[in-house]
Amino acid sequence: MKQLYKFLSSRYQNLFLEYKVNFAPRYGNGLPPHLQLYELINSQRSDYKRLLEQCLEFKTHFFEFKVLKDESNPELPAWNNGFLPGLDIVTLYCLVALIRPNVYLEIGSGNSTKVVRQSIRKNNLQSKVISIDPQPRAEIDALADVVIRQTLETATYSITDALDENDILFIDNSHRILPNSDSTVFFLEILPRLKKGVVVHLHDIYLPYDYPQFMCDRFYSEQYGLAIYLLANPDRYKFILPNYFVSEDSELSGVLDEVWENQSLRQVEKHGGSFWFVIQ
């Protein structure tokens, strides 16, 4: 019944293929990871560990966050929000506090905006928040300094071209590389133009593993574009933090145990899907 609704509803767009594809995980999910990607990502694990240890400096800040069902203030970040899991909240908050960007530009707004604004407040930052999203999932107009209510594919290059070293570009969009999609525009028109030192984030990235089945069923494809860039030119992109990789690694994920073991956070989802890197 749900599939029939999606087929008939004007809210959804159908894609018909003349050649059948088995949409299933090829790496991880019970299979080995992609070997070259695993070696690239794993080679910088000591850097990930140091960064996670730095995040512990902010642990008392995280103890103040509530789970969504208990948070009445719509401008504050909350755990178990259905979109941004625990590890991604922690690392986004910390990286904004540690990098101290002049500009934080996000493509796709909502829970991430709340986390960033709280980090700016609590850590006395002067970062400018720019939001590009035609329909943000959460009401964030009051949290952003500049609000652009249009799609990435209709925005001008001048916005991303203006990003400088230590500025952050946070991408959480449709996740699908298709003709004229926001993901296609990012990989073909924006990523190659970014200046050295710009920090980039993409969400729902599982590298060096494949998408889990439920995301294969939704035809997510964004991380394949990222993987191509990383494999073809690894010297241009320095990994900062691959959160799903961290989630799957007991040594790395264990660094934050003293955060998650706090009584107020026992029921918080601890995994992550953020992938952070910097342009070299």
Protein backbone atom coordinates (compact mmCIF):
# COMPACT_ATOMS: atom_id res chain seq x y z
CA MET A 1 0.00 0.00 0.00
CA LYS A 2 2.85 2.39 0.87
CA GLN A 3 4.54 1.71 -2.48
CA LEU A 4 1.26 2.32 -4.32
CA TYR A 5 0.85 5.64 -2.50
CA LYS A 6 4.34 6.74 -3.50
CA PHE A 7 3.69 5.70 -7.10
CA LEU A 8 0.46 7.71 -7.34
CA SER A 9 1.26 10.69 -5.11
CA SER A 10 2.42 13.93 -6.74
CA ARG A 11 4.79 14.35 -3.80
CA TYR A 12 7.06 11.61 -5.18
CA GLN A 13 8.91 11.34 -8.48
CA ASN A 14 9.21 7.97 -10.20
CA LEU A 15 12.32 6.70 -11.96
CA PHE A 16 12.01 3.95 -14.56
CA LEU A 17 15.09 2.02 -15.71
CA GLU A 18 15.25 -0.07 -18.88
CA TYR A 19 17.93 -2.29 -17.35
CA LYS A 20 17.27 -3.90 -13.99
CA VAL A 21 19.75 -3.11 -11.21
CA ASN A 22 20.10 -5.05 -7.97
CA PHE A 23 20.18 -2.22 -5.44
CA ALA A 24 22.16 -3.88 -2.65
CA PRO A 25 25.28 -3.14 -0.58
CA ARG A 26 28.48 -4.21 -2.33
CA TYR A 27 30.89 -3.37 0.51
CA GLY A 28 30.45 -3.84 4.24
CA ASN A 29 27.07 -4.92 5.63
CA GLY A 30 28.44 -8.42 6.13
CA LEU A 31 30.91 -8.10 3.24
CA PRO A 32 34.48 -6.72 3.28
CA PRO A 33 34.85 -2.93 2.98
CA HIS A 34 36.18 -1.31 -0.18
CA LEU A 35 39.87 -2.12 0.30
CA GLN A 36 41.49 1.01 -1.16
CA LEU A 37 39.08 3.32 0.61
CA TYR A 38 39.56 1.44 3.86
CA GLU A 39 43.33 1.79 3.61
CA LEU A 40 43.07 5.51 2.85
CA ILE A 41 40.65 6.23 5.66
CA ASN A 42 42.28 3.94 8.21
CA SER A 43 45.72 5.47 7.58
CA GLN A 44 44.71 8.62 9.48
CA ARG A 45 43.08 6.96 12.48
CA SER A 46 45.54 8.52 14.93
CA ASP A 47 44.31 11.96 13.82
CA TYR A 48 40.71 10.91 14.39
CA LYS A 49 41.54 9.71 17.89
CA ARG A 50 43.23 13.00 18.80
CA LEU A 51 40.25 14.98 17.56
CA LEU A 52 37.78 12.82 19.46
CA GLU A 53 39.87 13.32 22.59
CA GLN A 54 39.62 17.08 22.04
CA CYS A 55 35.84 16.70 21.92
CA LEU A 56 35.93 15.52 25.53
CA GLU A 57 36.82 19.08 26.51
CA PHE A 58 33.20 19.98 25.74
CA LYS A 59 31.52 17.01 27.41
CA THR A 60 29.74 19.10 30.06
CA HIS A 61 28.13 21.08 27.23
CA PHE A 62 26.60 17.87 25.89
CA PHE A 63 25.18 16.94 29.27
CA GLU A 64 22.96 20.02 28.97
CA PHE A 65 21.29 18.79 25.78
CA LYS A 66 17.92 17.06 26.17
CA VAL A 67 16.32 14.35 24.08
CA LEU A 68 13.83 15.74 21.58
CA LYS A 69 10.72 14.63 23.45
CA ASP A 70 11.86 16.61 26.51
CA GLU A 71 13.09 19.76 24.72
CA SER A 72 10.45 22.50 24.53
CA ASN A 73 12.68 25.19 22.99
CA PRO A 74 12.67 24.71 19.17
CA GLU A 75 15.92 26.68 18.84
CA LEU A 76 18.00 24.28 20.94
CA PRO A 77 19.67 21.08 19.71
CA ALA A 78 18.24 17.79 20.92
CA TRP A 79 19.28 14.16 20.94
CA ASN A 80 17.32 11.44 19.11
CA ASN A 81 15.88 13.95 16.66
CA GLY A 82 15.52 11.47 13.80
CA PHE A 83 17.95 13.22 11.45
CA LEU A 84 21.27 14.03 13.15
CA PRO A 85 22.52 11.19 15.40
CA GLY A 86 24.62 11.52 18.53
CA LEU A 87 28.16 11.26 17.17
CA ASP A 88 27.33 13.78 14.44
CA ILE A 89 25.96 16.26 16.98
CA VAL A 90 29.06 15.94 19.16
CA THR A 91 31.56 16.32 16.33
CA LEU A 92 29.71 19.17 14.59
CA TYR A 93 29.58 21.11 17.85
CA CYS A 94 33.26 20.46 18.55
CA LEU A 95 34.58 21.21 15.08
CA VAL A 96 32.79 24.56 14.98
CA ALA A 97 34.24 25.37 18.41
CA LEU A 98 37.76 24.24 17.49
CA ILE A 99 37.99 25.58 13.92
CA ARG A 100 36.20 28.86 14.74
CA PRO A 101 35.12 29.53 11.14
CA ASN A 102 34.38 33.02 9.94
CA VAL A 103 31.64 31.53 7.78
CA TYR A 104 29.58 28.40 8.30
CA LEU A 105 27.61 27.70 5.10
CA GLU A 106 25.14 24.86 5.12
CA ILE A 107 23.24 23.30 2.25
CA GLY A 108 20.32 21.67 4.00
CA SER A 109 19.30 23.14 7.34
CA GLY A 110 17.53 22.02 10.49
CA ASN A 111 18.98 20.18 13.46
CA SER A 112 22.52 20.97 12.34
CA THR A 113 21.75 24.69 12.47
CA LYS A 114 20.65 24.38 16.08
CA VAL A 115 23.86 22.58 17.02
CA VAL A 116 26.03 25.17 15.29
CA ARG A 117 24.21 28.14 16.79
CA GLN A 118 24.55 26.62 20.26
CA SER A 119 28.29 26.09 19.74
CA ILE A 120 28.64 29.70 18.61
CA ARG A 121 26.77 30.93 21.69
CA LYS A 122 28.52 28.77 24.26
CA ASN A 123 32.03 29.28 22.87
CA ASN A 124 31.75 33.02 22.18
CA LEU A 125 32.34 32.72 18.44
CA GLN A 126 31.70 35.33 15.78
CA SER A 127 30.92 32.83 13.02
CA LYS A 128 28.39 33.87 10.37
CA VAL A 129 25.76 31.21 9.62
CA ILE A 130 24.43 31.05 6.05
CA SER A 131 21.57 28.68 5.24
CA ILE A 132 20.69 27.48 1.73
CA ASP A 133 17.56 25.33 1.82
CA PRO A 134 14.23 25.79 0.01
CA GLN A 135 12.31 23.95 2.74
CA PRO A 136 14.28 23.41 5.95
CA ARG A 137 13.15 20.52 8.12
CA ALA A 138 13.15 22.68 11.23
CA GLU A 139 12.35 26.35 11.73
CA ILE A 140 15.84 27.87 11.59
CA ASP A 141 15.34 31.34 10.12
CA ALA A 142 15.94 32.88 13.54
CA LEU A 143 19.21 30.95 13.91
CA ALA A 144 20.87 31.84 10.60
CA ASP A 145 22.44 35.20 9.82
CA VAL A 146 21.72 34.85 6.10
CA VAL A 147 18.77 32.84 4.78
CA ILE A 148 18.62 31.76 1.13
CA ARG A 149 15.42 29.87 0.41
CA GLN A 150 16.33 28.27 -2.89
CA THR A 151 17.94 25.07 -4.11
CA LEU A 152 21.67 24.67 -4.49
CA GLU A 153 21.34 24.16 -8.23
CA THR A 154 19.77 27.62 -8.59
CA ALA A 155 22.22 29.42 -6.28
CA THR A 156 25.21 31.37 -7.59
CA TYR A 157 28.87 30.34 -7.38
CA SER A 158 29.70 33.55 -5.55
CA ILE A 159 28.44 32.09 -2.26
CA THR A 160 30.74 29.07 -2.19
CA ASP A 161 33.58 30.83 -4.02
CA ALA A 162 33.75 33.30 -1.12
CA LEU A 163 34.65 30.57 1.38
CA ASP A 164 38.20 30.86 2.71
CA GLU A 165 40.56 28.76 4.80
CA ASN A 166 38.89 27.40 7.96
CA ASP A 167 35.41 28.24 6.72
CA ILE A 168 32.98 25.31 6.82
CA LEU A 169 30.77 24.03 4.01
CA PHE A 170 28.17 21.66 5.48
CA ILE A 171 26.29 19.55 2.91
CA ASP A 172 23.16 17.57 3.83
CA ASN A 173 21.01 17.50 0.73
CA SER A 174 19.12 15.03 -1.48
CA HIS A 175 22.02 12.51 -1.46
CA ARG A 176 21.31 11.49 -5.05
CA ILE A 177 23.53 12.10 -8.08
CA LEU A 178 21.00 12.64 -10.87
CA PRO A 179 20.70 15.07 -13.80
CA ASN A 180 20.53 18.62 -12.40
CA SER A 181 20.35 17.43 -8.78
CA ASP A 182 21.98 19.33 -5.94
CA SER A 183 24.48 16.49 -5.41
CA THR A 184 25.53 16.59 -9.05
CA VAL A 185 25.99 20.34 -8.89
CA PHE A 186 28.12 19.98 -5.76
CA PHE A 187 30.50 17.41 -7.22
CA LEU A 188 30.82 18.86 -10.73
CA GLU A 189 30.62 22.60 -10.10
CA ILE A 190 31.38 23.43 -6.47
CA LEU A 191 33.85 20.93 -5.00
CA PRO A 192 36.49 21.47 -7.74
CA ARG A 193 36.40 25.24 -7.11
CA LEU A 194 36.81 25.26 -3.33
CA LYS A 195 39.90 26.99 -1.99
CA LYS A 196 42.65 25.34 -0.02
CA GLY A 197 41.78 25.08 3.65
CA VAL A 198 37.99 25.02 3.28
CA VAL A 199 36.49 22.38 5.58
CA VAL A 200 33.80 20.23 3.98
CA HIS A 201 31.12 18.02 5.53
CA LEU A 202 28.79 15.54 3.83
CA HIS A 203 26.11 13.63 5.68
CA ASP A 204 24.90 10.03 5.41
CA ILE A 205 28.31 8.84 4.20
CA TYR A 206 29.25 5.25 5.05
CA LEU A 207 32.66 4.98 3.40
CA PRO A 208 34.64 2.73 3.26
CA TYR A 209 31.43 0.70 3.45
CA ASP A 210 28.41 0.81 1.18
CA TYR A 211 25.02 2.23 1.99
CA PRO A 212 22.90 -0.07 4.16
CA GLN A 213 20.01 -1.75 2.38
CA PHE A 214 17.37 0.78 3.44
CA MET A 215 19.38 3.57 1.80
CA CYS A 216 20.00 1.46 -1.30
CA ASP A 217 16.22 1.15 -1.45
CA ARG A 218 16.03 4.96 -1.49
CA PHE A 219 18.58 5.12 -4.33
CA TYR A 220 21.14 7.16 -2.41
CA SER A 221 24.27 7.61 -4.54
CA GLU A 222 26.10 10.69 -3.25
CA GLN A 223 28.91 8.80 -1.53
CA TYR A 224 29.95 7.15 -4.80
CA GLY A 225 30.77 10.59 -6.16
CA LEU A 226 32.81 11.35 -3.05
CA ALA A 227 34.60 8.00 -3.31
CA ILE A 228 35.62 8.72 -6.90
CA TYR A 229 37.21 12.02 -5.84
CA LEU A 230 39.03 10.43 -2.91
CA LEU A 231 40.39 7.53 -4.94
CA ALA A 232 41.41 9.61 -7.95
CA ASN A 233 43.13 12.42 -6.04
CA PRO A 234 43.70 11.49 -2.38
CA ASP A 235 46.37 14.15 -1.87
CA ARG A 236 43.83 16.94 -2.38
CA TYR A 237 41.51 15.83 0.43
CA LYS A 238 42.72 15.33 4.00
CA PHE A 239 40.29 13.40 6.15
CA ILE A 240 39.25 15.07 9.37
CA LEU A 241 36.66 12.63 10.68
CA PRO A 242 34.69 9.81 8.99
CA ASN A 243 31.99 9.24 11.58
CA TYR A 244 30.52 5.98 10.34
CA PHE A 245 34.01 4.50 10.19
CA VAL A 246 34.50 5.69 13.77
CA SER A 247 31.17 4.14 14.78
CA GLU A 248 32.28 0.76 13.43
CA ASP A 249 35.69 0.89 15.15
CA SER A 250 35.64 -0.08 18.84
CA GLU A 251 38.89 1.74 19.68
CA LEU A 252 37.83 5.03 18.11
CA SER A 253 34.20 4.95 19.20
CA GLY A 254 35.30 4.12 22.74
CA VAL A 255 37.08 7.48 23.08
CA LEU A 256 33.72 9.14 23.76
CA ASP A 257 32.51 6.58 26.29
CA GLU A 258 32.77 9.06 29.14
CA VAL A 259 30.27 11.23 27.27
CA TRP A 260 27.77 8.47 26.57
CA GLU A 261 28.08 6.94 30.04
CA ASN A 262 26.59 10.05 31.63
CA GLN A 263 23.21 9.12 33.12
CA SER A 264 21.33 11.66 31.00
CA LEU A 265 22.74 10.24 27.74
CA ARG A 266 22.30 6.52 28.29
CA GLN A 267 19.46 6.30 25.73
CA VAL A 268 21.04 8.55 23.10
CA GLU A 269 21.87 7.05 19.68
CA LYS A 270 25.66 7.06 19.51
CA HIS A 271 26.44 6.35 15.85
CA GLY A 272 27.18 8.87 13.11
CA GLY A 273 27.16 9.42 9.36
CA SER A 274 29.09 12.68 8.97
CA PHE A 275 32.19 12.71 6.77
CA TRP A 276 34.58 15.63 7.30
CA PHE A 277 37.58 16.57 5.18
CA VAL A 278 39.62 19.65 4.28
CA ILE A 279 40.79 20.83 0.87
CA GLN A 280 44.58 20.59 0.54
